[in-house]
């Protein structure tokens, strides 16, 4: 098992017994793992590909998080909800 952490996200590459390829997941985050797996073409990789795979995976994670934040910022319903929370908090 190999673990890599970047920006508070831990990526885990693991290998099943008698399997030459590694699978991967995001530690302690099943939802983000499922989202990631739906956005990558290779679900299992060889050991020599791990270095480049982790770079690409962390880039995909950052892109998805940035896109999600931009969508929330441009959504008028979310903006209205945040304004209401600010008003009624006082």
PDB file of N, CA and C in Angstrom:
ATOM      1  N   UNK A   1       0.850  -1.171   0.000  1.00  0.00           N
ATOM      2  CA  UNK A   1       0.000   0.000   0.000  1.00  0.00           C
ATOM      3  C   UNK A   1       0.897   1.237   0.000  1.00  0.00           C
ATOM      4  N   UNK A   2       0.537   2.210  -0.844  1.00  0.00           N
ATOM      5  CA  UNK A   2       1.292   3.459  -0.932  1.00  0.00           C
ATOM      6  C   UNK A   2       0.322   4.612  -0.734  1.00  0.00           C
ATOM      7  N   UNK A   3       0.721   5.576   0.107  1.00  0.00           N
ATOM      8  CA  UNK A   3      -0.134   6.725   0.403  1.00  0.00           C
ATOM      9  C   UNK A   3       0.590   8.008   0.034  1.00  0.00           C
ATOM     10  N   UNK A   4      -0.171   8.945  -0.536  1.00  0.00           N
ATOM     11  CA  UNK A   4       0.344  10.261  -0.890  1.00  0.00           C
ATOM     12  C   UNK A   4      -0.675  11.294  -0.425  1.00  0.00           C
ATOM     13  N   UNK A   5      -0.197  12.362   0.216  1.00  0.00           N
ATOM     14  CA  UNK A   5      -1.096  13.393   0.721  1.00  0.00           C
ATOM     15  C   UNK A   5      -0.745  14.729   0.082  1.00  0.00           C
ATOM     16  N   UNK A   6      -1.793  15.438  -0.328  1.00  0.00           N
ATOM     17  CA  UNK A   6      -1.623  16.769  -0.907  1.00  0.00           C
ATOM     18  C   UNK A   6      -2.874  17.577  -0.583  1.00  0.00           C
ATOM     19  N   UNK A   7      -2.697  18.782  -0.064  1.00  0.00           N
ATOM     20  CA  UNK A   7      -3.807  19.673   0.302  1.00  0.00           C
ATOM     21  C   UNK A   7      -4.834  18.996   1.205  1.00  0.00           C
ATOM     22  N   UNK A   8      -4.357  18.176   2.129  1.00  0.00           N
ATOM     23  CA  UNK A   8      -5.253  17.524   3.085  1.00  0.00           C
ATOM     24  C   UNK A   8      -6.001  16.325   2.545  1.00  0.00           C
ATOM     25  N   UNK A   9      -5.716  15.914   1.323  1.00  0.00           N
ATOM     26  CA  UNK A   9      -6.369  14.755   0.709  1.00  0.00           C
ATOM     27  C   UNK A   9      -5.338  13.639   0.582  1.00  0.00           C
ATOM     28  N   UNK A  10      -5.686  12.461   1.084  1.00  0.00           N
ATOM     29  CA  UNK A  10      -4.763  11.325   1.029  1.00  0.00           C
ATOM     30  C   UNK A  10      -5.228  10.339  -0.027  1.00  0.00           C
ATOM     31  N   UNK A  11      -4.353  10.079  -0.967  1.00  0.00           N
ATOM     32  CA  UNK A  11      -4.606   9.146  -2.055  1.00  0.00           C
ATOM     33  C   UNK A  11      -3.896   7.843  -1.720  1.00  0.00           C
ATOM     34  N   UNK A  12      -4.630   6.738  -1.770  1.00  0.00           N
ATOM     35  CA  UNK A  12      -4.081   5.430  -1.396  1.00  0.00           C
ATOM     36  C   UNK A  12      -4.087   4.510  -2.623  1.00  0.00           C
ATOM     37  N   UNK A  13      -2.917   3.948  -2.928  1.00  0.00           N
ATOM     38  CA  UNK A  13      -2.802   2.922  -3.963  1.00  0.00           C
ATOM     39  C   UNK A  13      -2.645   1.593  -3.242  1.00  0.00           C
ATOM     40  N   UNK A  14      -3.486   0.642  -3.577  1.00  0.00           N
ATOM     41  CA  UNK A  14      -3.424  -0.656  -2.904  1.00  0.00           C
ATOM     42  C   UNK A  14      -3.461  -1.766  -3.944  1.00  0.00           C
ATOM     43  N   UNK A  15      -2.934  -2.898  -3.528  1.00  0.00           N
ATOM     44  CA  UNK A  15      -2.808  -4.040  -4.425  1.00  0.00           C
ATOM     45  C   UNK A  15      -3.448  -5.250  -3.772  1.00  0.00           C
ATOM     46  N   UNK A  16      -4.306  -5.919  -4.510  1.00  0.00           N
ATOM     47  CA  UNK A  16      -4.916  -7.146  -4.002  1.00  0.00           C
ATOM     48  C   UNK A  16      -3.906  -8.289  -4.106  1.00  0.00           C
ATOM     49  N   UNK A  17      -4.033  -9.297  -3.256  1.00  0.00           N
ATOM     50  CA  UNK A  17      -3.092 -10.426  -3.309  1.00  0.00           C
ATOM     51  C   UNK A  17      -3.052 -11.063  -4.711  1.00  0.00           C
ATOM     52  N   UNK A  18      -1.857 -11.360  -5.138  1.00  0.00           N
ATOM     53  CA  UNK A  18      -1.615 -12.010  -6.427  1.00  0.00           C
ATOM     54  C   UNK A  18      -2.111 -11.190  -7.617  1.00  0.00           C
ATOM     55  N   UNK A  19      -2.146  -9.865  -7.462  1.00  0.00           N
ATOM     56  CA  UNK A  19      -2.532  -8.972  -8.557  1.00  0.00           C
ATOM     57  C   UNK A  19      -1.349  -8.059  -8.854  1.00  0.00           C
ATOM     58  N   UNK A  20      -0.981  -7.940 -10.114  1.00  0.00           N
ATOM     59  CA  UNK A  20       0.176  -7.111 -10.452  1.00  0.00           C
ATOM     60  C   UNK A  20      -0.170  -5.627 -10.536  1.00  0.00           C
ATOM     61  N   UNK A  21      -1.446  -5.283 -10.632  1.00  0.00           N
ATOM     62  CA  UNK A  21      -1.838  -3.882 -10.760  1.00  0.00           C
ATOM     63  C   UNK A  21      -2.374  -3.324  -9.443  1.00  0.00           C
ATOM     64  N   UNK A  22      -2.292  -2.007  -9.344  1.00  0.00           N
ATOM     65  CA  UNK A  22      -2.758  -1.297  -8.160  1.00  0.00           C
ATOM     66  C   UNK A  22      -4.084  -0.595  -8.452  1.00  0.00           C
ATOM     67  N   UNK A  23      -4.954  -0.575  -7.477  1.00  0.00           N
ATOM     68  CA  UNK A  23      -6.179   0.223  -7.524  1.00  0.00           C
ATOM     69  C   UNK A  23      -5.951   1.418  -6.616  1.00  0.00           C
ATOM     70  N   UNK A  24      -6.841   2.410  -6.661  1.00  0.00           N
ATOM     71  CA  UNK A  24      -6.642   3.582  -5.819  1.00  0.00           C
ATOM     72  C   UNK A  24      -7.964   4.098  -5.276  1.00  0.00           C
ATOM     73  N   UNK A  25      -7.863   4.845  -4.189  1.00  0.00           N
ATOM     74  CA  UNK A  25      -9.026   5.468  -3.573  1.00  0.00           C
ATOM     75  C   UNK A  25      -8.580   6.687  -2.783  1.00  0.00           C
ATOM     76  N   UNK A  26      -9.530   7.514  -2.420  1.00  0.00           N
ATOM     77  CA  UNK A  26      -9.255   8.653  -1.566  1.00  0.00           C
ATOM     78  C   UNK A  26      -9.610   8.224  -0.151  1.00  0.00           C
ATOM     79  N   UNK A  27      -8.641   8.305   0.727  1.00  0.00           N
ATOM     80  CA  UNK A  27      -8.790   7.802   2.093  1.00  0.00           C
ATOM     81  C   UNK A  27      -9.901   8.550   2.826  1.00  0.00           C
ATOM     82  N   UNK A  28     -10.778   7.788   3.460  1.00  0.00           N
ATOM     83  CA  UNK A  28     -11.870   8.303   4.295  1.00  0.00           C
ATOM     84  C   UNK A  28     -12.854   9.194   3.542  1.00  0.00           C
ATOM     85  N   UNK A  29     -13.016   8.993   2.229  1.00  0.00           N
ATOM     86  CA  UNK A  29     -13.973   9.791   1.480  1.00  0.00           C
ATOM     87  C   UNK A  29     -14.521   8.968   0.314  1.00  0.00           C
ATOM     88  N   UNK A  30     -15.566   8.203   0.595  1.00  0.00           N
ATOM     89  CA  UNK A  30     -16.151   7.310  -0.403  1.00  0.00           C
ATOM     90  C   UNK A  30     -16.785   8.097  -1.558  1.00  0.00           C
ATOM     91  N   UNK A  31     -17.445   9.202  -1.239  1.00  0.00           N
ATOM     92  CA  UNK A  31     -18.114  10.003  -2.270  1.00  0.00           C
ATOM     93  C   UNK A  31     -17.110  10.567  -3.275  1.00  0.00           C
ATOM     94  N   UNK A  32     -16.000  11.114  -2.766  1.00  0.00           N
ATOM     95  CA  UNK A  32     -14.990  11.677  -3.660  1.00  0.00           C
ATOM     96  C   UNK A  32     -14.298  10.582  -4.455  1.00  0.00           C
ATOM     97  N   UNK A  33     -14.124   9.405  -3.864  1.00  0.00           N
ATOM     98  CA  UNK A  33     -13.528   8.278  -4.579  1.00  0.00           C
ATOM     99  C   UNK A  33     -14.413   7.865  -5.752  1.00  0.00           C
ATOM    100  N   UNK A  34     -15.716   7.771  -5.525  1.00  0.00           N
ATOM    101  CA  UNK A  34     -16.636   7.403  -6.599  1.00  0.00           C
ATOM    102  C   UNK A  34     -16.629   8.442  -7.713  1.00  0.00           C
ATOM    103  N   UNK A  35     -16.596   9.721  -7.350  1.00  0.00           N
ATOM    104  CA  UNK A  35     -16.535  10.793  -8.340  1.00  0.00           C
ATOM    105  C   UNK A  35     -15.244  10.701  -9.144  1.00  0.00           C
ATOM    106  N   UNK A  36     -14.153  10.463  -8.460  1.00  0.00           N
ATOM    107  CA  UNK A  36     -12.864  10.337  -9.138  1.00  0.00           C
ATOM    108  C   UNK A  36     -12.863   9.154 -10.100  1.00  0.00           C
ATOM    109  N   UNK A  37     -13.324   8.005  -9.646  1.00  0.00           N
ATOM    110  CA  UNK A  37     -13.320   6.807 -10.494  1.00  0.00           C
ATOM    111  C   UNK A  37     -14.218   6.969 -11.723  1.00  0.00           C
ATOM    112  N   UNK A  38     -15.255   7.774 -11.610  1.00  0.00           N
ATOM    113  CA  UNK A  38     -16.119   8.001 -12.767  1.00  0.00           C
ATOM    114  C   UNK A  38     -15.477   8.958 -13.772  1.00  0.00           C
ATOM    115  N   UNK A  39     -14.408   9.662 -13.363  1.00  0.00           N
ATOM    116  CA  UNK A  39     -13.761  10.645 -14.233  1.00  0.00           C
ATOM    117  C   UNK A  39     -12.387  10.228 -14.747  1.00  0.00           C
ATOM    118  N   UNK A  40     -11.972   8.998 -14.486  1.00  0.00           N
ATOM    119  CA  UNK A  40     -10.681   8.534 -14.987  1.00  0.00           C
ATOM    120  C   UNK A  40     -10.882   7.354 -15.929  1.00  0.00           C
ATOM    121  N   UNK A  41      -9.956   7.230 -16.872  1.00  0.00           N
ATOM    122  CA  UNK A  41     -10.088   6.140 -17.842  1.00  0.00           C
ATOM    123  C   UNK A  41      -9.502   4.831 -17.304  1.00  0.00           C
ATOM    124  N   UNK A  42      -8.400   4.911 -16.550  1.00  0.00           N
ATOM    125  CA  UNK A  42      -7.776   3.702 -15.994  1.00  0.00           C
ATOM    126  C   UNK A  42      -8.100   3.603 -14.512  1.00  0.00           C
ATOM    127  N   UNK A  43      -8.672   2.491 -14.127  1.00  0.00           N
ATOM    128  CA  UNK A  43      -9.027   2.262 -12.727  1.00  0.00           C
ATOM    129  C   UNK A  43      -7.938   1.480 -11.984  1.00  0.00           C
ATOM    130  N   UNK A  44      -7.075   0.802 -12.747  1.00  0.00           N
ATOM    131  CA  UNK A  44      -5.994   0.025 -12.166  1.00  0.00           C
ATOM    132  C   UNK A  44      -4.740   0.319 -12.968  1.00  0.00           C
ATOM    133  N   UNK A  45      -3.601   0.427 -12.270  1.00  0.00           N
ATOM    134  CA  UNK A  45      -2.351   0.774 -12.946  1.00  0.00           C
ATOM    135  C   UNK A  45      -1.204  -0.092 -12.446  1.00  0.00           C
ATOM    136  N   UNK A  46      -0.153  -0.129 -13.237  1.00  0.00           N
ATOM    137  CA  UNK A  46       1.054  -0.862 -12.844  1.00  0.00           C
ATOM    138  C   UNK A  46       1.866  -0.005 -11.878  1.00  0.00           C
ATOM    139  N   UNK A  47       2.731  -0.655 -11.119  1.00  0.00           N
ATOM    140  CA  UNK A  47       3.513   0.048 -10.095  1.00  0.00           C
ATOM    141  C   UNK A  47       4.355   1.169 -10.696  1.00  0.00           C
ATOM    142  N   UNK A  48       4.930   0.959 -11.868  1.00  0.00           N
ATOM    143  CA  UNK A  48       5.786   1.980 -12.465  1.00  0.00           C
ATOM    144  C   UNK A  48       4.991   3.209 -12.936  1.00  0.00           C
ATOM    145  N   UNK A  49       3.680   3.117 -13.007  1.00  0.00           N
ATOM    146  CA  UNK A  49       2.837   4.240 -13.434  1.00  0.00           C
ATOM    147  C   UNK A  49       2.313   5.079 -12.260  1.00  0.00           C
ATOM    148  N   UNK A  50       2.568   4.660 -11.036  1.00  0.00           N
ATOM    149  CA  UNK A  50       1.999   5.321  -9.865  1.00  0.00           C
ATOM    150  C   UNK A  50       2.419   6.791  -9.778  1.00  0.00           C
ATOM    151  N   UNK A  51       3.693   7.084 -10.010  1.00  0.00           N
ATOM    152  CA  UNK A  51       4.177   8.458  -9.873  1.00  0.00           C
ATOM    153  C   UNK A  51       3.381   9.424 -10.749  1.00  0.00           C
ATOM    154  N   UNK A  52       3.223   9.094 -12.029  1.00  0.00           N
ATOM    155  CA  UNK A  52       2.507   9.981 -12.927  1.00  0.00           C
ATOM    156  C   UNK A  52       1.005   9.950 -12.682  1.00  0.00           C
ATOM    157  N   UNK A  53       0.506   8.800 -12.261  1.00  0.00           N
ATOM    158  CA  UNK A  53      -0.934   8.690 -11.969  1.00  0.00           C
ATOM    159  C   UNK A  53      -1.317   9.588 -10.803  1.00  0.00           C
ATOM    160  N   UNK A  54      -0.500   9.633  -9.764  1.00  0.00           N
ATOM    161  CA  UNK A  54      -0.838  10.468  -8.600  1.00  0.00           C
ATOM    162  C   UNK A  54      -0.855  11.942  -8.973  1.00  0.00           C
ATOM    163  N   UNK A  55       0.049  12.360  -9.846  1.00  0.00           N
ATOM    164  CA  UNK A  55       0.049  13.759 -10.294  1.00  0.00           C
ATOM    165  C   UNK A  55      -1.247  14.066 -11.030  1.00  0.00           C
ATOM    166  N   UNK A  56      -1.632  13.202 -11.953  1.00  0.00           N
ATOM    167  CA  UNK A  56      -2.869  13.404 -12.716  1.00  0.00           C
ATOM    168  C   UNK A  56      -4.110  13.351 -11.842  1.00  0.00           C
ATOM    169  N   UNK A  57      -4.122  12.461 -10.875  1.00  0.00           N
ATOM    170  CA  UNK A  57      -5.284  12.322  -9.991  1.00  0.00           C
ATOM    171  C   UNK A  57      -5.437  13.569  -9.131  1.00  0.00           C
ATOM    172  N   UNK A  58      -4.345  14.065  -8.555  1.00  0.00           N
ATOM    173  CA  UNK A  58      -4.442  15.272  -7.741  1.00  0.00           C
ATOM    174  C   UNK A  58      -4.880  16.475  -8.584  1.00  0.00           C
ATOM    175  N   UNK A  59      -4.456  16.523  -9.851  1.00  0.00           N
ATOM    176  CA  UNK A  59      -4.913  17.599 -10.748  1.00  0.00           C
ATOM    177  C   UNK A  59      -6.419  17.490 -10.986  1.00  0.00           C
ATOM    178  N   UNK A  60      -6.907  16.274 -11.210  1.00  0.00           N
ATOM    179  CA  UNK A  60      -8.348  16.076 -11.411  1.00  0.00           C
ATOM    180  C   UNK A  60      -9.137  16.480 -10.171  1.00  0.00           C
ATOM    181  N   UNK A  61      -8.618  16.137  -8.999  1.00  0.00           N
ATOM    182  CA  UNK A  61      -9.300  16.491  -7.752  1.00  0.00           C
ATOM    183  C   UNK A  61      -9.396  18.003  -7.630  1.00  0.00           C
ATOM    184  N   UNK A  62      -8.298  18.707  -7.900  1.00  0.00           N
ATOM    185  CA  UNK A  62      -8.298  20.167  -7.815  1.00  0.00           C
ATOM    186  C   UNK A  62      -9.266  20.768  -8.823  1.00  0.00           C
ATOM    187  N   UNK A  63      -9.291  20.253 -10.042  1.00  0.00           N
ATOM    188  CA  UNK A  63     -10.204  20.764 -11.069  1.00  0.00           C
ATOM    189  C   UNK A  63     -11.651  20.577 -10.639  1.00  0.00           C
ATOM    190  N   UNK A  64     -11.980  19.404 -10.098  1.00  0.00           N
ATOM    191  CA  UNK A  64     -13.350  19.137  -9.663  1.00  0.00           C
ATOM    192  C   UNK A  64     -13.748  20.030  -8.499  1.00  0.00           C
ATOM    193  N   UNK A  65     -12.828  20.246  -7.554  1.00  0.00           N
ATOM    194  CA  UNK A  65     -13.139  21.108  -6.416  1.00  0.00           C
ATOM    195  C   UNK A  65     -13.316  22.548  -6.868  1.00  0.00           C
ATOM    196  N   UNK A  66     -12.461  23.020  -7.789  1.00  0.00           N
ATOM    197  CA  UNK A  66     -12.592  24.392  -8.279  1.00  0.00           C
ATOM    198  C   UNK A  66     -13.890  24.562  -9.052  1.00  0.00           C
ATOM    199  N   UNK A  67     -14.243  23.591  -9.880  1.00  0.00           N
ATOM    200  CA  UNK A  67     -15.478  23.660 -10.652  1.00  0.00           C
ATOM    201  C   UNK A  67     -16.679  23.676  -9.717  1.00  0.00           C
ATOM    202  N   UNK A  68     -16.626  22.863  -8.683  1.00  0.00           N
ATOM    203  CA  UNK A  68     -17.720  22.797  -7.721  1.00  0.00           C
ATOM    204  C   UNK A  68     -17.886  24.140  -6.999  1.00  0.00           C
ATOM    205  N   UNK A  69     -16.765  24.758  -6.598  1.00  0.00           N
ATOM    206  CA  UNK A  69     -16.823  26.048  -5.926  1.00  0.00           C
ATOM    207  C   UNK A  69     -17.371  27.126  -6.855  1.00  0.00           C
ATOM    208  N   UNK A  70     -16.949  27.132  -8.118  1.00  0.00           N
ATOM    209  CA  UNK A  70     -17.427  28.120  -9.072  1.00  0.00           C
ATOM    210  C   UNK A  70     -18.917  27.944  -9.327  1.00  0.00           C
ATOM    211  N   UNK A  71     -19.391  26.715  -9.392  1.00  0.00           N
ATOM    212  CA  UNK A  71     -20.807  26.443  -9.600  1.00  0.00           C
ATOM    213  C   UNK A  71     -21.610  26.960  -8.418  1.00  0.00           C
ATOM    214  N   UNK A  72     -21.109  26.730  -7.222  1.00  0.00           N
ATOM    215  CA  UNK A  72     -21.813  27.205  -6.041  1.00  0.00           C
ATOM    216  C   UNK A  72     -21.830  28.725  -5.995  1.00  0.00           C
ATOM    217  N   UNK A  73     -20.759  29.374  -6.435  1.00  0.00           N
ATOM    218  CA  UNK A  73     -20.697  30.827  -6.403  1.00  0.00           C
ATOM    219  C   UNK A  73     -21.683  31.446  -7.400  1.00  0.00           C
ATOM    220  N   UNK A  74     -21.913  30.780  -8.504  1.00  0.00           N
ATOM    221  CA  UNK A  74     -22.777  31.319  -9.547  1.00  0.00           C
ATOM    222  C   UNK A  74     -24.229  30.891  -9.386  1.00  0.00           C
ATOM    223  N   UNK A  75     -24.532  30.087  -8.398  1.00  0.00           N
ATOM    224  CA  UNK A  75     -25.880  29.584  -8.211  1.00  0.00           C
ATOM    225  C   UNK A  75     -26.677  30.568  -7.352  1.00  0.00           C
ATOM    226  N   UNK A  76     -27.729  31.189  -7.906  1.00  0.00           N
ATOM    227  CA  UNK A  76     -28.488  32.186  -7.157  1.00  0.00           C
ATOM    228  C   UNK A  76     -29.203  31.611  -5.931  1.00  0.00           C
ATOM    229  N   UNK A  77     -29.577  30.348  -5.965  1.00  0.00           N
ATOM    230  CA  UNK A  77     -30.253  29.737  -4.813  1.00  0.00           C
ATOM    231  C   UNK A  77     -29.291  29.634  -3.635  1.00  0.00           C
ATOM    232  N   UNK A  78     -28.069  29.220  -3.921  1.00  0.00           N
ATOM    233  CA  UNK A  78     -27.071  29.121  -2.856  1.00  0.00           C
ATOM    234  C   UNK A  78     -26.733  30.511  -2.321  1.00  0.00           C
ATOM    235  N   UNK A  79     -26.620  31.476  -3.218  1.00  0.00           N
ATOM    236  CA  UNK A  79     -26.326  32.848  -2.790  1.00  0.00           C
ATOM    237  C   UNK A  79     -27.440  33.387  -1.896  1.00  0.00           C
ATOM    238  N   UNK A  80     -28.702  33.142  -2.258  1.00  0.00           N
ATOM    239  CA  UNK A  80     -29.836  33.581  -1.446  1.00  0.00           C
ATOM    240  C   UNK A  80     -29.821  32.896  -0.081  1.00  0.00           C
ATOM    241  N   UNK A  81     -29.545  31.611  -0.052  1.00  0.00           N
ATOM    242  CA  UNK A  81     -29.504  30.873   1.212  1.00  0.00           C
ATOM    243  C   UNK A  81     -28.413  31.432   2.128  1.00  0.00           C
ATOM    244  N   UNK A  82     -27.252  31.738   1.567  1.00  0.00           N
ATOM    245  CA  UNK A  82     -26.165  32.299   2.366  1.00  0.00           C
ATOM    246  C   UNK A  82     -26.543  33.668   2.917  1.00  0.00           C
ATOM    247  N   UNK A  83     -27.207  34.488   2.106  1.00  0.00           N
ATOM    248  CA  UNK A  83     -27.634  35.813   2.579  1.00  0.00           C
ATOM    249  C   UNK A  83     -28.655  35.691   3.701  1.00  0.00           C
ATOM    250  N   UNK A  84     -29.590  34.765   3.568  1.00  0.00           N
ATOM    251  CA  UNK A  84     -30.597  34.554   4.618  1.00  0.00           C
ATOM    252  C   UNK A  84     -29.938  34.081   5.917  1.00  0.00           C
ATOM    253  N   UNK A  85     -28.978  33.194   5.796  1.00  0.00           N
ATOM    254  CA  UNK A  85     -28.272  32.727   6.985  1.00  0.00           C
ATOM    255  C   UNK A  85     -27.562  33.875   7.683  1.00  0.00           C
ATOM    256  N   UNK A  86     -26.951  34.752   6.893  1.00  0.00           N
ATOM    257  CA  UNK A  86     -26.264  35.896   7.478  1.00  0.00           C
ATOM    258  C   UNK A  86     -27.224  36.851   8.175  1.00  0.00           C
ATOM    259  N   UNK A  87     -28.407  37.058   7.612  1.00  0.00           N
ATOM    260  CA  UNK A  87     -29.388  37.974   8.191  1.00  0.00           C
ATOM    261  C   UNK A  87     -29.939  37.388   9.490  1.00  0.00           C
ATOM    262  N   UNK A  88     -30.360  36.142   9.467  1.00  0.00           N
ATOM    263  CA  UNK A  88     -31.026  35.559  10.628  1.00  0.00           C
ATOM    264  C   UNK A  88     -30.053  35.108  11.717  1.00  0.00           C
ATOM    265  N   UNK A  89     -28.796  35.058  11.414  1.00  0.00           N
ATOM    266  CA  UNK A  89     -27.809  34.716  12.420  1.00  0.00           C
ATOM    267  C   UNK A  89     -27.738  35.826  13.458  1.00  0.00           C
ATOM    268  N   UNK A  90     -27.917  37.075  13.009  1.00  0.00           N
ATOM    269  CA  UNK A  90     -27.883  38.219  13.923  1.00  0.00           C
ATOM    270  C   UNK A  90     -29.182  38.297  14.645  1.00  0.00           C
TER     271      UNK A  90
END
